[in-house]
Amino acid sequence: MASSSRSELTLFERGEIVGAWKCGLSEPIIAAHLNRAPATVHRVIVANHDCQQEKPPTRTGRPKKITSRDNRHLHEIGFHGRVGVRKPLVTERNRTKRLCWAKERQGWSSEWDCIIWSDEVMVGGGYGEGLMKDMM
């Protein structure tokens, strides 16, 4: 029966598979006993038999586009790997409400003098909470 999690075999588990195979056990019996897929057991045995590999070759992964030196230089001149904040879309309902609000106040002239304007803004602290910050 195959293991439910897809994890890399440890060096010890590979040794168990090869040791059991060298003791004469069949691949299906080894797979059932160690709770691994038969294909996994077969690949470990073939790799050990053909290439005498105790562990699989290292994975190269995707090649880096820039070196760590380049990355450090970009950081020094002000470029950082940051992602912009996602802003909510203006829904049709909100757009309509904004338009109505603006049309109601379109003829205002002296009424704007009664409005208290502030240089403070709400900074989101998460889940509707905010901190007042001066914008200077």
Protein backbone atom coordinates (compact mmCIF):
# COMPACT_ATOMS: atom_id res chain seq x y z
CA MET A 1 0.00 0.00 0.00
CA ALA A 2 1.34 3.44 -0.92
CA SER A 3 2.12 6.07 1.68
CA SER A 4 -0.39 8.91 1.90
CA SER A 5 2.24 11.67 2.02
CA ARG A 6 4.60 12.32 -0.85
CA SER A 7 7.91 12.79 0.91
CA GLU A 8 11.50 12.23 -0.09
CA LEU A 9 12.93 8.93 1.12
CA THR A 10 15.55 9.27 3.81
CA LEU A 11 18.93 7.63 3.42
CA PHE A 12 17.89 5.12 6.10
CA GLU A 13 14.69 4.19 4.22
CA ARG A 14 16.69 3.69 1.02
CA GLY A 15 19.05 1.44 2.97
CA GLU A 16 16.11 -0.57 4.28
CA ILE A 17 14.82 -1.13 0.75
CA VAL A 18 18.22 -2.17 -0.62
CA GLY A 19 18.94 -4.36 2.44
CA ALA A 20 15.61 -6.15 2.14
CA TRP A 21 16.19 -6.68 -1.59
CA LYS A 22 19.67 -8.09 -0.95
CA CYS A 23 18.14 -10.49 1.60
CA GLY A 24 15.99 -11.92 -1.18
CA LEU A 25 12.62 -10.26 -0.55
CA SER A 26 10.57 -9.34 -3.62
CA GLU A 27 9.74 -5.74 -4.51
CA PRO A 28 5.98 -6.04 -3.77
CA ILE A 29 6.69 -7.51 -0.33
CA ILE A 30 9.21 -4.74 0.45
CA ALA A 31 6.71 -2.11 -0.71
CA ALA A 32 3.94 -3.55 1.46
CA HIS A 33 6.19 -3.93 4.50
CA LEU A 34 7.60 -0.37 4.30
CA ASN A 35 4.29 1.21 3.22
CA ARG A 36 5.75 2.60 0.00
CA ALA A 37 4.65 2.45 -3.62
CA PRO A 38 6.05 -0.50 -5.59
CA ALA A 39 7.35 1.93 -8.24
CA THR A 40 9.32 3.80 -5.56
CA VAL A 41 10.87 0.58 -4.30
CA HIS A 42 11.75 -0.44 -7.86
CA ARG A 43 13.43 2.91 -8.62
CA VAL A 44 15.56 2.70 -5.45
CA ILE A 45 16.67 -0.86 -6.27
CA VAL A 46 17.48 -0.02 -9.90
CA ALA A 47 19.43 3.09 -8.89
CA ASN A 48 21.44 1.07 -6.38
CA HIS A 49 21.98 -1.87 -8.72
CA ASP A 50 22.91 0.08 -11.86
CA CYS A 51 24.75 3.10 -10.48
CA GLN A 52 25.59 2.08 -6.91
CA GLN A 53 23.74 5.22 -5.72
CA GLU A 54 23.02 5.42 -2.03
CA LYS A 55 21.09 8.65 -2.48
CA PRO A 56 19.54 10.30 -5.53
CA PRO A 57 21.52 12.97 -7.38
CA THR A 58 20.89 16.52 -6.22
CA ARG A 59 18.16 18.38 -8.03
CA THR A 60 19.42 21.36 -9.94
CA GLY A 61 16.22 23.38 -9.85
CA ARG A 62 15.60 26.47 -11.87
CA PRO A 63 18.76 28.44 -12.71
CA LYS A 64 19.07 31.83 -11.03
CA LYS A 65 18.60 34.84 -13.30
CA ILE A 66 20.78 37.12 -11.17
CA THR A 67 23.59 36.45 -8.74
CA SER A 68 23.46 37.28 -5.03
CA ARG A 69 25.90 40.12 -5.78
CA ASP A 70 23.46 41.58 -8.32
CA ASN A 71 20.61 41.20 -5.84
CA ARG A 72 22.60 42.97 -3.12
CA HIS A 73 23.43 45.84 -5.50
CA LEU A 74 19.76 46.24 -6.49
CA HIS A 75 18.85 46.37 -2.81
CA GLU A 76 21.50 49.04 -2.15
CA ILE A 77 20.12 51.32 -4.89
CA GLY A 78 16.57 51.00 -3.61
CA PHE A 79 14.96 48.08 -5.44
CA HIS A 80 13.25 45.60 -3.15
CA GLY A 81 11.28 42.44 -3.89
CA ARG A 82 7.98 43.66 -2.52
CA VAL A 83 4.47 42.99 -3.73
CA GLY A 84 1.95 45.81 -3.90
CA VAL A 85 -1.14 45.82 -1.71
CA ARG A 86 -4.24 44.42 -3.39
CA LYS A 87 -6.97 47.03 -3.48
CA PRO A 88 -10.63 46.07 -3.60
CA LEU A 89 -12.43 46.61 -6.88
CA VAL A 90 -15.02 49.36 -7.07
CA THR A 91 -18.28 47.48 -7.32
CA GLU A 92 -21.21 48.69 -9.40
CA ARG A 93 -23.19 49.43 -6.24
CA ASN A 94 -20.35 51.44 -4.72
CA ARG A 95 -19.83 53.34 -7.99
CA THR A 96 -23.51 54.28 -8.05
CA LYS A 97 -23.43 55.44 -4.43
CA ARG A 98 -20.32 57.56 -5.09
CA LEU A 99 -21.93 59.16 -8.13
CA CYS A 100 -25.11 60.00 -6.17
CA TRP A 101 -23.02 61.49 -3.35
CA ALA A 102 -21.06 63.65 -5.81
CA LYS A 103 -24.21 64.80 -7.65
CA GLU A 104 -25.85 65.84 -4.35
CA ARG A 105 -22.87 68.06 -3.57
CA GLN A 106 -22.23 69.32 -7.11
CA GLY A 107 -23.75 72.74 -6.42
CA TRP A 108 -22.01 73.26 -3.08
CA SER A 109 -19.82 76.33 -2.75
CA SER A 110 -19.91 77.75 0.77
CA GLU A 111 -20.94 74.43 2.34
CA TRP A 112 -17.41 73.09 1.85
CA ASP A 113 -16.17 75.73 4.29
CA CYS A 114 -18.07 73.93 7.09
CA ILE A 115 -16.21 70.67 6.45
CA ILE A 116 -13.30 69.92 8.78
CA TRP A 117 -10.41 68.63 6.67
CA SER A 118 -7.77 66.51 8.34
CA ASP A 119 -4.33 65.31 7.37
CA GLU A 120 -4.90 61.99 9.15
CA VAL A 121 -5.67 58.73 7.48
CA MET A 122 -6.76 55.31 8.73
CA VAL A 123 -4.01 52.73 8.35
CA GLY A 124 -5.37 49.18 8.31
CA GLY A 125 -4.28 47.06 11.23
CA GLY A 126 -6.28 44.11 10.00
CA TYR A 127 -9.90 43.05 10.35
CA GLY A 128 -11.34 46.57 10.31
CA GLU A 129 -9.04 47.98 12.96
CA GLY A 130 -6.84 50.95 12.15
CA LEU A 131 -4.32 53.34 13.56
CA MET A 132 -4.42 57.09 13.06
CA LYS A 133 -1.23 58.32 11.36
CA ASP A 134 -0.21 61.86 10.43
CA MET A 135 0.44 62.28 6.72
CA MET A 136 3.37 64.70 6.42
